[in-house]
Amino acid sequence: MKPNSIVIISLHSPKEKFWGILEEITPAGITVRGVDLNAFAEWMSQVGTVEEMGLALVFYPMCRVERVALDESVGNIPSLAATFLTRSGMTVQEYLQKMT
């Protein structure tokens, strides 16, 4: 995994999943700019609206990280990033550039 990869992080204690752009990965932990996977659809529906919420910059210590997976399309099932592109008309990277 390289910085700027779009990833899904599986965490434990408590169990949760986080989607976003990988900022940094070190022996201490992983930094990602994104959103809890349970809130992804709501976040996507707010993009481009007055109530738009941005993506959070979060650090998770390695002791909580169970797995890091690339957000990739599998067969006919699109990745979350591809779904975002289809609905918003811009890539996640373009969205973040617009927000800064």
PDB file of N, CA and C in Angstrom:
ATOM      1  N   MET A   1       0.846  -1.175   0.000  1.00  0.00           N
ATOM      2  CA  MET A   1       0.000   0.000   0.000  1.00  0.00           C
ATOM      3  C   MET A   1       0.891   1.238   0.000  1.00  0.00           C
ATOM      4  N   LYS A   2       0.531   2.174  -0.829  1.00  0.00           N
ATOM      5  CA  LYS A   2       1.281   3.417  -0.938  1.00  0.00           C
ATOM      6  C   LYS A   2       0.389   4.591  -0.548  1.00  0.00           C
ATOM      7  N   PRO A   3       0.985   5.700  -0.097  1.00  0.00           N
ATOM      8  CA  PRO A   3       0.175   6.897   0.158  1.00  0.00           C
ATOM      9  C   PRO A   3      -0.655   7.248  -1.074  1.00  0.00           C
ATOM     10  N   ASN A   4      -1.831   7.765  -0.828  1.00  0.00           N
ATOM     11  CA  ASN A   4      -2.842   8.138  -1.826  1.00  0.00           C
ATOM     12  C   ASN A   4      -3.628   6.952  -2.364  1.00  0.00           C
ATOM     13  N   SER A   5      -3.361   5.736  -1.874  1.00  0.00           N
ATOM     14  CA  SER A   5      -4.194   4.587  -2.226  1.00  0.00           C
ATOM     15  C   SER A   5      -5.523   4.716  -1.486  1.00  0.00           C
ATOM     16  N   ILE A   6      -6.583   4.291  -2.127  1.00  0.00           N
ATOM     17  CA  ILE A   6      -7.887   4.285  -1.469  1.00  0.00           C
ATOM     18  C   ILE A   6      -8.046   2.911  -0.837  1.00  0.00           C
ATOM     19  N   VAL A   7      -8.299   2.906   0.477  1.00  0.00           N
ATOM     20  CA  VAL A   7      -8.274   1.665   1.246  1.00  0.00           C
ATOM     21  C   VAL A   7      -9.505   1.527   2.133  1.00  0.00           C
ATOM     22  N   ILE A   8      -9.713   0.295   2.570  1.00  0.00           N
ATOM     23  CA  ILE A   8     -10.696  -0.019   3.603  1.00  0.00           C
ATOM     24  C   ILE A   8      -9.918  -0.653   4.742  1.00  0.00           C
ATOM     25  N   ILE A   9     -10.016  -0.056   5.922  1.00  0.00           N
ATOM     26  CA  ILE A   9      -9.291  -0.536   7.089  1.00  0.00           C
ATOM     27  C   ILE A   9     -10.274  -1.251   8.001  1.00  0.00           C
ATOM     28  N   SER A  10      -9.971  -2.488   8.335  1.00  0.00           N
ATOM     29  CA  SER A  10     -10.768  -3.255   9.300  1.00  0.00           C
ATOM     30  C   SER A  10     -10.070  -3.148  10.648  1.00  0.00           C
ATOM     31  N   LEU A  11     -10.825  -2.742  11.647  1.00  0.00           N
ATOM     32  CA  LEU A  11     -10.291  -2.516  12.991  1.00  0.00           C
ATOM     33  C   LEU A  11     -10.987  -3.421  13.993  1.00  0.00           C
ATOM     34  N   HIS A  12     -10.343  -3.607  15.127  1.00  0.00           N
ATOM     35  CA  HIS A  12     -10.970  -4.363  16.219  1.00  0.00           C
ATOM     36  C   HIS A  12     -10.848  -3.577  17.512  1.00  0.00           C
ATOM     37  N   SER A  13     -11.661  -3.944  18.468  1.00  0.00           N
ATOM     38  CA  SER A  13     -11.667  -3.374  19.826  1.00  0.00           C
ATOM     39  C   SER A  13     -11.904  -1.872  19.856  1.00  0.00           C
ATOM     40  N   PRO A  14     -13.028  -1.365  19.418  1.00  0.00           N
ATOM     41  CA  PRO A  14     -14.208  -2.049  18.886  1.00  0.00           C
ATOM     42  C   PRO A  14     -14.070  -2.339  17.385  1.00  0.00           C
ATOM     43  N   LYS A  15     -14.889  -3.273  16.935  1.00  0.00           N
ATOM     44  CA  LYS A  15     -14.877  -3.694  15.537  1.00  0.00           C
ATOM     45  C   LYS A  15     -15.528  -2.598  14.697  1.00  0.00           C
ATOM     46  N   GLU A  16     -14.814  -2.134  13.683  1.00  0.00           N
ATOM     47  CA  GLU A  16     -15.346  -1.135  12.761  1.00  0.00           C
ATOM     48  C   GLU A  16     -14.542  -1.170  11.469  1.00  0.00           C
ATOM     49  N   LYS A  17     -15.088  -0.516  10.437  1.00  0.00           N
ATOM     50  CA  LYS A  17     -14.390  -0.411   9.150  1.00  0.00           C
ATOM     51  C   LYS A  17     -14.374   1.061   8.763  1.00  0.00           C
ATOM     52  N   PHE A  18     -13.249   1.471   8.184  1.00  0.00           N
ATOM     53  CA  PHE A  18     -13.052   2.864   7.805  1.00  0.00           C
ATOM     54  C   PHE A  18     -12.563   2.896   6.362  1.00  0.00           C
ATOM     55  N   TRP A  19     -13.155   3.761   5.543  1.00  0.00           N
ATOM     56  CA  TRP A  19     -12.800   3.898   4.135  1.00  0.00           C
ATOM     57  C   TRP A  19     -12.145   5.253   3.908  1.00  0.00           C
ATOM     58  N   GLY A  20     -11.110   5.299   3.083  1.00  0.00           N
ATOM     59  CA  GLY A  20     -10.523   6.587   2.761  1.00  0.00           C
ATOM     60  C   GLY A  20      -9.208   6.490   2.025  1.00  0.00           C
ATOM     61  N   ILE A  21      -8.534   7.610   1.968  1.00  0.00           N
ATOM     62  CA  ILE A  21      -7.251   7.725   1.281  1.00  0.00           C
ATOM     63  C   ILE A  21      -6.138   7.562   2.299  1.00  0.00           C
ATOM     64  N   LEU A  22      -5.253   6.635   2.029  1.00  0.00           N
ATOM     65  CA  LEU A  22      -4.125   6.375   2.909  1.00  0.00           C
ATOM     66  C   LEU A  22      -3.168   7.559   2.862  1.00  0.00           C
ATOM     67  N   GLU A  23      -2.923   8.150   4.014  1.00  0.00           N
ATOM     68  CA  GLU A  23      -1.974   9.257   4.113  1.00  0.00           C
ATOM     69  C   GLU A  23      -0.593   8.729   4.468  1.00  0.00           C
ATOM     70  N   GLU A  24      -0.546   7.833   5.472  1.00  0.00           N
ATOM     71  CA  GLU A  24       0.744   7.323   5.932  1.00  0.00           C
ATOM     72  C   GLU A  24       0.538   6.001   6.666  1.00  0.00           C
ATOM     73  N   ILE A  25       1.499   5.115   6.517  1.00  0.00           N
ATOM     74  CA  ILE A  25       1.496   3.864   7.270  1.00  0.00           C
ATOM     75  C   ILE A  25       2.898   3.689   7.854  1.00  0.00           C
ATOM     76  N   THR A  26       2.959   3.513   9.176  1.00  0.00           N
ATOM     77  CA  THR A  26       4.226   3.370   9.892  1.00  0.00           C
ATOM     78  C   THR A  26       4.093   2.211  10.874  1.00  0.00           C
ATOM     79  N   PRO A  27       5.184   1.798  11.496  1.00  0.00           N
ATOM     80  CA  PRO A  27       5.070   0.752  12.517  1.00  0.00           C
ATOM     81  C   PRO A  27       4.153   1.156  13.684  1.00  0.00           C
ATOM     82  N   ALA A  28       4.015   2.463  13.915  1.00  0.00           N
ATOM     83  CA  ALA A  28       3.155   2.934  15.006  1.00  0.00           C
ATOM     84  C   ALA A  28       1.676   2.854  14.653  1.00  0.00           C
ATOM     85  N   GLY A  29       1.348   3.039  13.371  1.00  0.00           N
ATOM     86  CA  GLY A  29      -0.061   3.027  12.997  1.00  0.00           C
ATOM     87  C   GLY A  29      -0.297   3.512  11.585  1.00  0.00           C
ATOM     88  N   ILE A  30      -1.553   3.788  11.299  1.00  0.00           N
ATOM     89  CA  ILE A  30      -1.978   4.165   9.956  1.00  0.00           C
ATOM     90  C   ILE A  30      -2.799   5.442  10.023  1.00  0.00           C
ATOM     91  N   THR A  31      -2.500   6.374   9.133  1.00  0.00           N
ATOM     92  CA  THR A  31      -3.231   7.635   9.053  1.00  0.00           C
ATOM     93  C   THR A  31      -4.003   7.633   7.747  1.00  0.00           C
ATOM     94  N   VAL A  32      -5.284   7.919   7.846  1.00  0.00           N
ATOM     95  CA  VAL A  32      -6.155   7.883   6.669  1.00  0.00           C
ATOM     96  C   VAL A  32      -7.133   9.048   6.740  1.00  0.00           C
ATOM     97  N   ARG A  33      -7.468   9.609   5.585  1.00  0.00           N
ATOM     98  CA  ARG A  33      -8.489  10.657   5.495  1.00  0.00           C
ATOM     99  C   ARG A  33      -9.721  10.010   4.887  1.00  0.00           C
ATOM    100  N   GLY A  34     -10.795   9.930   5.668  1.00  0.00           N
ATOM    101  CA  GLY A  34     -11.964   9.238   5.153  1.00  0.00           C
ATOM    102  C   GLY A  34     -13.166   9.309   6.066  1.00  0.00           C
ATOM    103  N   VAL A  35     -13.948   8.224   6.026  1.00  0.00           N
ATOM    104  CA  VAL A  35     -15.221   8.182   6.739  1.00  0.00           C
ATOM    105  C   VAL A  35     -15.489   6.741   7.178  1.00  0.00           C
ATOM    106  N   ASP A  36     -16.175   6.592   8.290  1.00  0.00           N
ATOM    107  CA  ASP A  36     -16.594   5.274   8.749  1.00  0.00           C
ATOM    108  C   ASP A  36     -17.444   4.646   7.648  1.00  0.00           C
ATOM    109  N   LEU A  37     -17.219   3.392   7.373  1.00  0.00           N
ATOM    110  CA  LEU A  37     -17.921   2.720   6.279  1.00  0.00           C
ATOM    111  C   LEU A  37     -19.434   2.749   6.465  1.00  0.00           C
ATOM    112  N   ASN A  38     -19.903   2.739   7.705  1.00  0.00           N
ATOM    113  CA  ASN A  38     -21.351   2.810   7.962  1.00  0.00           C
ATOM    114  C   ASN A  38     -21.946   4.153   7.547  1.00  0.00           C
ATOM    115  N   ALA A  39     -21.127   5.199   7.452  1.00  0.00           N
ATOM    116  CA  ALA A  39     -21.604   6.534   7.090  1.00  0.00           C
ATOM    117  C   ALA A  39     -21.294   6.898   5.639  1.00  0.00           C
ATOM    118  N   PHE A  40     -20.712   5.958   4.883  1.00  0.00           N
ATOM    119  CA  PHE A  40     -20.283   6.247   3.511  1.00  0.00           C
ATOM    120  C   PHE A  40     -21.433   6.734   2.631  1.00  0.00           C
ATOM    121  N   ALA A  41     -22.546   6.043   2.626  1.00  0.00           N
ATOM    122  CA  ALA A  41     -23.680   6.413   1.759  1.00  0.00           C
ATOM    123  C   ALA A  41     -24.215   7.800   2.128  1.00  0.00           C
ATOM    124  N   GLU A  42     -24.298   8.090   3.412  1.00  0.00           N
ATOM    125  CA  GLU A  42     -24.769   9.408   3.850  1.00  0.00           C
ATOM    126  C   GLU A  42     -23.785  10.500   3.425  1.00  0.00           C
ATOM    127  N   TRP A  43     -22.484  10.236   3.610  1.00  0.00           N
ATOM    128  CA  TRP A  43     -21.471  11.203   3.198  1.00  0.00           C
ATOM    129  C   TRP A  43     -21.574  11.475   1.699  1.00  0.00           C
ATOM    130  N   MET A  44     -21.694  10.406   0.919  1.00  0.00           N
ATOM    131  CA  MET A  44     -21.759  10.550  -0.527  1.00  0.00           C
ATOM    132  C   MET A  44     -22.994  11.349  -0.946  1.00  0.00           C
ATOM    133  N   SER A  45     -24.105  11.166  -0.253  1.00  0.00           N
ATOM    134  CA  SER A  45     -25.326  11.888  -0.615  1.00  0.00           C
ATOM    135  C   SER A  45     -25.227  13.382  -0.296  1.00  0.00           C
ATOM    136  N   GLN A  46     -24.321  13.766   0.599  1.00  0.00           N
ATOM    137  CA  GLN A  46     -24.174  15.171   0.974  1.00  0.00           C
ATOM    138  C   GLN A  46     -23.142  15.920   0.133  1.00  0.00           C
ATOM    139  N   VAL A  47     -22.341  15.201  -0.645  1.00  0.00           N
ATOM    140  CA  VAL A  47     -21.322  15.853  -1.471  1.00  0.00           C
ATOM    141  C   VAL A  47     -21.999  16.811  -2.444  1.00  0.00           C
ATOM    142  N   GLY A  48     -21.535  18.059  -2.450  1.00  0.00           N
ATOM    143  CA  GLY A  48     -22.086  19.074  -3.343  1.00  0.00           C
ATOM    144  C   GLY A  48     -23.289  19.807  -2.793  1.00  0.00           C
ATOM    145  N   THR A  49     -23.681  19.507  -1.554  1.00  0.00           N
ATOM    146  CA  THR A  49     -24.813  20.195  -0.946  1.00  0.00           C
ATOM    147  C   THR A  49     -24.318  21.199   0.100  1.00  0.00           C
ATOM    148  N   VAL A  50     -25.219  22.008   0.593  1.00  0.00           N
ATOM    149  CA  VAL A  50     -24.884  22.987   1.630  1.00  0.00           C
ATOM    150  C   VAL A  50     -24.458  22.281   2.911  1.00  0.00           C
ATOM    151  N   GLU A  51     -25.046  21.131   3.201  1.00  0.00           N
ATOM    152  CA  GLU A  51     -24.745  20.396   4.433  1.00  0.00           C
ATOM    153  C   GLU A  51     -23.568  19.440   4.282  1.00  0.00           C
ATOM    154  N   GLU A  52     -22.762  19.647   3.257  1.00  0.00           N
ATOM    155  CA  GLU A  52     -21.655  18.742   2.951  1.00  0.00           C
ATOM    156  C   GLU A  52     -20.707  18.578   4.137  1.00  0.00           C
ATOM    157  N   MET A  53     -20.421  17.313   4.470  1.00  0.00           N
ATOM    158  CA  MET A  53     -19.438  17.051   5.517  1.00  0.00           C
ATOM    159  C   MET A  53     -18.169  16.562   4.847  1.00  0.00           C
ATOM    160  N   GLY A  54     -17.045  16.996   5.357  1.00  0.00           N
ATOM    161  CA  GLY A  54     -15.771  16.600   4.772  1.00  0.00           C
ATOM    162  C   GLY A  54     -15.331  15.235   5.259  1.00  0.00           C
ATOM    163  N   LEU A  55     -14.120  14.881   4.910  1.00  0.00           N
ATOM    164  CA  LEU A  55     -13.541  13.620   5.342  1.00  0.00           C
ATOM    165  C   LEU A  55     -12.621  13.886   6.533  1.00  0.00           C
ATOM    166  N   ALA A  56     -12.677  13.028   7.525  1.00  0.00           N
ATOM    167  CA  ALA A  56     -11.871  13.182   8.730  1.00  0.00           C
ATOM    168  C   ALA A  56     -10.478  12.617   8.518  1.00  0.00           C
ATOM    169  N   LEU A  57      -9.481  13.259   9.117  1.00  0.00           N
ATOM    170  CA  LEU A  57      -8.115  12.739   9.144  1.00  0.00           C
ATOM    171  C   LEU A  57      -7.961  12.008  10.463  1.00  0.00           C
ATOM    172  N   VAL A  58      -7.703  10.684  10.378  1.00  0.00           N
ATOM    173  CA  VAL A  58      -7.703   9.836  11.568  1.00  0.00           C
ATOM    174  C   VAL A  58      -6.428   9.003  11.613  1.00  0.00           C
ATOM    175  N   PHE A  59      -5.900   8.823  12.823  1.00  0.00           N
ATOM    176  CA  PHE A  59      -4.768   7.930  13.054  1.00  0.00           C
ATOM    177  C   PHE A  59      -5.267   6.745  13.863  1.00  0.00           C
ATOM    178  N   TYR A  60      -4.960   5.538  13.399  1.00  0.00           N
ATOM    179  CA  TYR A  60      -5.285   4.322  14.153  1.00  0.00           C
ATOM    180  C   TYR A  60      -3.976   3.630  14.513  1.00  0.00           C
ATOM    181  N   PRO A  61      -3.775   3.311  15.800  1.00  0.00           N
ATOM    182  CA  PRO A  61      -2.560   2.580  16.174  1.00  0.00           C
ATOM    183  C   PRO A  61      -2.604   1.157  15.607  1.00  0.00           C
ATOM    184  N   MET A  62      -1.442   0.613  15.285  1.00  0.00           N
ATOM    185  CA  MET A  62      -1.361  -0.717  14.682  1.00  0.00           C
ATOM    186  C   MET A  62      -2.015  -1.796  15.545  1.00  0.00           C
ATOM    187  N   CYS A  63      -2.041  -1.608  16.861  1.00  0.00           N
ATOM    188  CA  CYS A  63      -2.662  -2.625  17.714  1.00  0.00           C
ATOM    189  C   CYS A  63      -4.158  -2.768  17.442  1.00  0.00           C
ATOM    190  N   ARG A  64      -4.789  -1.780  16.781  1.00  0.00           N
ATOM    191  CA  ARG A  64      -6.205  -1.860  16.432  1.00  0.00           C
ATOM    192  C   ARG A  64      -6.437  -2.354  15.008  1.00  0.00           C
ATOM    193  N   VAL A  65      -5.408  -2.276  14.159  1.00  0.00           N
ATOM    194  CA  VAL A  65      -5.567  -2.604  12.738  1.00  0.00           C
ATOM    195  C   VAL A  65      -5.554  -4.114  12.555  1.00  0.00           C
ATOM    196  N   GLU A  66      -6.647  -4.617  11.998  1.00  0.00           N
ATOM    197  CA  GLU A  66      -6.766  -6.043  11.705  1.00  0.00           C
ATOM    198  C   GLU A  66      -6.360  -6.333  10.267  1.00  0.00           C
ATOM    199  N   ARG A  67      -6.791  -5.430   9.346  1.00  0.00           N
ATOM    200  CA  ARG A  67      -6.520  -5.650   7.922  1.00  0.00           C
ATOM    201  C   ARG A  67      -6.647  -4.323   7.178  1.00  0.00           C
ATOM    202  N   VAL A  68      -5.840  -4.175   6.122  1.00  0.00           N
ATOM    203  CA  VAL A  68      -5.944  -3.033   5.216  1.00  0.00           C
ATOM    204  C   VAL A  68      -6.097  -3.610   3.813  1.00  0.00           C
ATOM    205  N   ALA A  69      -7.162  -3.224   3.128  1.00  0.00           N
ATOM    206  CA  ALA A  69      -7.425  -3.731   1.777  1.00  0.00           C
ATOM    207  C   ALA A  69      -7.581  -2.564   0.817  1.00  0.00           C
ATOM    208  N   LEU A  70      -7.072  -2.721  -0.394  1.00  0.00           N
ATOM    209  CA  LEU A  70      -7.300  -1.713  -1.423  1.00  0.00           C
ATOM    210  C   LEU A  70      -8.771  -1.716  -1.805  1.00  0.00           C
ATOM    211  N   ASP A  71      -9.322  -0.541  -2.036  1.00  0.00           N
ATOM    212  CA  ASP A  71     -10.698  -0.408  -2.507  1.00  0.00           C
ATOM    213  C   ASP A  71     -10.669  -0.638  -4.014  1.00  0.00           C
ATOM    214  N   GLU A  72     -10.940  -1.870  -4.422  1.00  0.00           N
ATOM    215  CA  GLU A  72     -10.865  -2.240  -5.834  1.00  0.00           C
ATOM    216  C   GLU A  72     -12.187  -2.840  -6.299  1.00  0.00           C
ATOM    217  N   SER A  73     -12.488  -2.621  -7.573  1.00  0.00           N
ATOM    218  CA  SER A  73     -13.649  -3.276  -8.172  1.00  0.00           C
ATOM    219  C   SER A  73     -13.353  -4.761  -8.296  1.00  0.00           C
ATOM    220  N   VAL A  74     -14.386  -5.579  -8.117  1.00  0.00           N
ATOM    221  CA  VAL A  74     -14.252  -7.030  -8.250  1.00  0.00           C
ATOM    222  C   VAL A  74     -15.333  -7.490  -9.224  1.00  0.00           C
ATOM    223  N   GLY A  75     -14.894  -7.887 -10.420  1.00  0.00           N
ATOM    224  CA  GLY A  75     -15.855  -8.290 -11.446  1.00  0.00           C
ATOM    225  C   GLY A  75     -16.799  -7.146 -11.777  1.00  0.00           C
ATOM    226  N   ASN A  76     -18.091  -7.391 -11.651  1.00  0.00           N
ATOM    227  CA  ASN A  76     -19.101  -6.372 -11.934  1.00  0.00           C
ATOM    228  C   ASN A  76     -19.409  -5.488 -10.737  1.00  0.00           C
ATOM    229  N   ILE A  77     -18.802  -5.783  -9.604  1.00  0.00           N
ATOM    230  CA  ILE A  77     -19.058  -4.999  -8.388  1.00  0.00           C
ATOM    231  C   ILE A  77     -18.060  -3.849  -8.335  1.00  0.00           C
ATOM    232  N   PRO A  78     -18.565  -2.595  -8.415  1.00  0.00           N
ATOM    233  CA  PRO A  78     -17.641  -1.458  -8.427  1.00  0.00           C
ATOM    234  C   PRO A  78     -17.049  -1.182  -7.043  1.00  0.00           C
ATOM    235  N   SER A  79     -15.864  -0.606  -7.034  1.00  0.00           N
ATOM    236  CA  SER A  79     -15.264  -0.165  -5.774  1.00  0.00           C
ATOM    237  C   SER A  79     -16.082   1.004  -5.234  1.00  0.00           C
ATOM    238  N   LEU A  80     -15.863   1.328  -3.981  1.00  0.00           N
ATOM    239  CA  LEU A  80     -16.550   2.486  -3.399  1.00  0.00           C
ATOM    240  C   LEU A  80     -16.090   3.769  -4.089  1.00  0.00           C
ATOM    241  N   ALA A  81     -14.813   3.844  -4.443  1.00  0.00           N
ATOM    242  CA  ALA A  81     -14.301   5.021  -5.154  1.00  0.00           C
ATOM    243  C   ALA A  81     -14.961   5.152  -6.528  1.00  0.00           C
ATOM    244  N   ALA A  82     -15.176   4.040  -7.220  1.00  0.00           N
ATOM    245  CA  ALA A  82     -15.854   4.072  -8.516  1.00  0.00           C
ATOM    246  C   ALA A  82     -17.311   4.495  -8.355  1.00  0.00           C
ATOM    247  N   THR A  83     -17.945   4.043  -7.292  1.00  0.00           N
ATOM    248  CA  THR A  83     -19.322   4.450  -6.992  1.00  0.00           C
ATOM    249  C   THR A  83     -19.381   5.949  -6.741  1.00  0.00           C
ATOM    250  N   PHE A  84     -18.400   6.463  -5.990  1.00  0.00           N
ATOM    251  CA  PHE A  84     -18.327   7.907  -5.725  1.00  0.00           C
ATOM    252  C   PHE A  84     -18.165   8.673  -7.034  1.00  0.00           C
ATOM    253  N   LEU A  85     -17.286   8.212  -7.916  1.00  0.00           N
ATOM    254  CA  LEU A  85     -17.062   8.867  -9.204  1.00  0.00           C
ATOM    255  C   LEU A  85     -18.345   8.893 -10.032  1.00  0.00           C
ATOM    256  N   THR A  86     -19.056   7.783 -10.072  1.00  0.00           N
ATOM    257  CA  THR A  86     -20.303   7.702 -10.844  1.00  0.00           C
ATOM    258  C   THR A  86     -21.349   8.685 -10.321  1.00  0.00           C
ATOM    259  N   ARG A  87     -21.477   8.777  -9.012  1.00  0.00           N
ATOM    260  CA  ARG A  87     -22.521   9.636  -8.425  1.00  0.00           C
ATOM    261  C   ARG A  87     -22.149  11.108  -8.382  1.00  0.00           C
ATOM    262  N   SER A  88     -20.860  11.402  -8.190  1.00  0.00           N
ATOM    263  CA  SER A  88     -20.463  12.808  -8.012  1.00  0.00           C
ATOM    264  C   SER A  88     -19.845  13.429  -9.263  1.00  0.00           C
ATOM    265  N   GLY A  89     -19.337  12.588 -10.175  1.00  0.00           N
ATOM    266  CA  GLY A  89     -18.694  13.105 -11.366  1.00  0.00           C
ATOM    267  C   GLY A  89     -17.243  13.513 -11.153  1.00  0.00           C
ATOM    268  N   MET A  90     -16.689  13.194  -9.978  1.00  0.00           N
ATOM    269  CA  MET A  90     -15.281  13.499  -9.712  1.00  0.00           C
ATOM    270  C   MET A  90     -14.661  12.377  -8.899  1.00  0.00           C
ATOM    271  N   THR A  91     -13.340  12.247  -9.007  1.00  0.00           N
ATOM    272  CA  THR A  91     -12.650  11.239  -8.222  1.00  0.00           C
ATOM    273  C   THR A  91     -12.543  11.718  -6.774  1.00  0.00           C
ATOM    274  N   VAL A  92     -12.221  10.815  -5.883  1.00  0.00           N
ATOM    275  CA  VAL A  92     -12.037  11.185  -4.481  1.00  0.00           C
ATOM    276  C   VAL A  92     -10.885  12.181  -4.365  1.00  0.00           C
ATOM    277  N   GLN A  93      -9.825  11.992  -5.133  1.00  0.00           N
ATOM    278  CA  GLN A  93      -8.691  12.897  -5.104  1.00  0.00           C
ATOM    279  C   GLN A  93      -9.101  14.294  -5.576  1.00  0.00           C
ATOM    280  N   GLU A  94      -9.909  14.381  -6.643  1.00  0.00           N
ATOM    281  CA  GLU A  94     -10.403  15.678  -7.113  1.00  0.00           C
ATOM    282  C   GLU A  94     -11.273  16.351  -6.060  1.00  0.00           C
ATOM    283  N   TYR A  95     -12.083  15.556  -5.381  1.00  0.00           N
ATOM    284  CA  TYR A  95     -12.931  16.080  -4.316  1.00  0.00           C
ATOM    285  C   TYR A  95     -12.086  16.687  -3.205  1.00  0.00           C
ATOM    286  N   LEU A  96     -11.030  15.980  -2.797  1.00  0.00           N
ATOM    287  CA  LEU A  96     -10.178  16.494  -1.730  1.00  0.00           C
ATOM    288  C   LEU A  96      -9.442  17.763  -2.141  1.00  0.00           C
ATOM    289  N   GLN A  97      -9.014  17.838  -3.397  1.00  0.00           N
ATOM    290  CA  GLN A  97      -8.371  19.058  -3.883  1.00  0.00           C
ATOM    291  C   GLN A  97      -9.337  20.227  -3.851  1.00  0.00           C
ATOM    292  N   LYS A  98     -10.582  19.980  -4.179  1.00  0.00           N
ATOM    293  CA  LYS A  98     -11.616  21.014  -4.152  1.00  0.00           C
ATOM    294  C   LYS A  98     -11.860  21.508  -2.734  1.00  0.00           C
ATOM    295  N   MET A  99     -11.730  20.606  -1.761  1.00  0.00           N
ATOM    296  CA  MET A  99     -12.011  20.935  -0.361  1.00  0.00           C
ATOM    297  C   MET A  99     -10.877  21.739   0.287  1.00  0.00           C
ATOM    298  N   THR A 100      -9.669  21.691  -0.279  1.00  0.00           N
ATOM    299  CA  THR A 100      -8.551  22.408   0.354  1.00  0.00           C
ATOM    300  C   THR A 100      -8.399  23.796  -0.177  1.00  0.00           C
TER     301      THR A 100
END
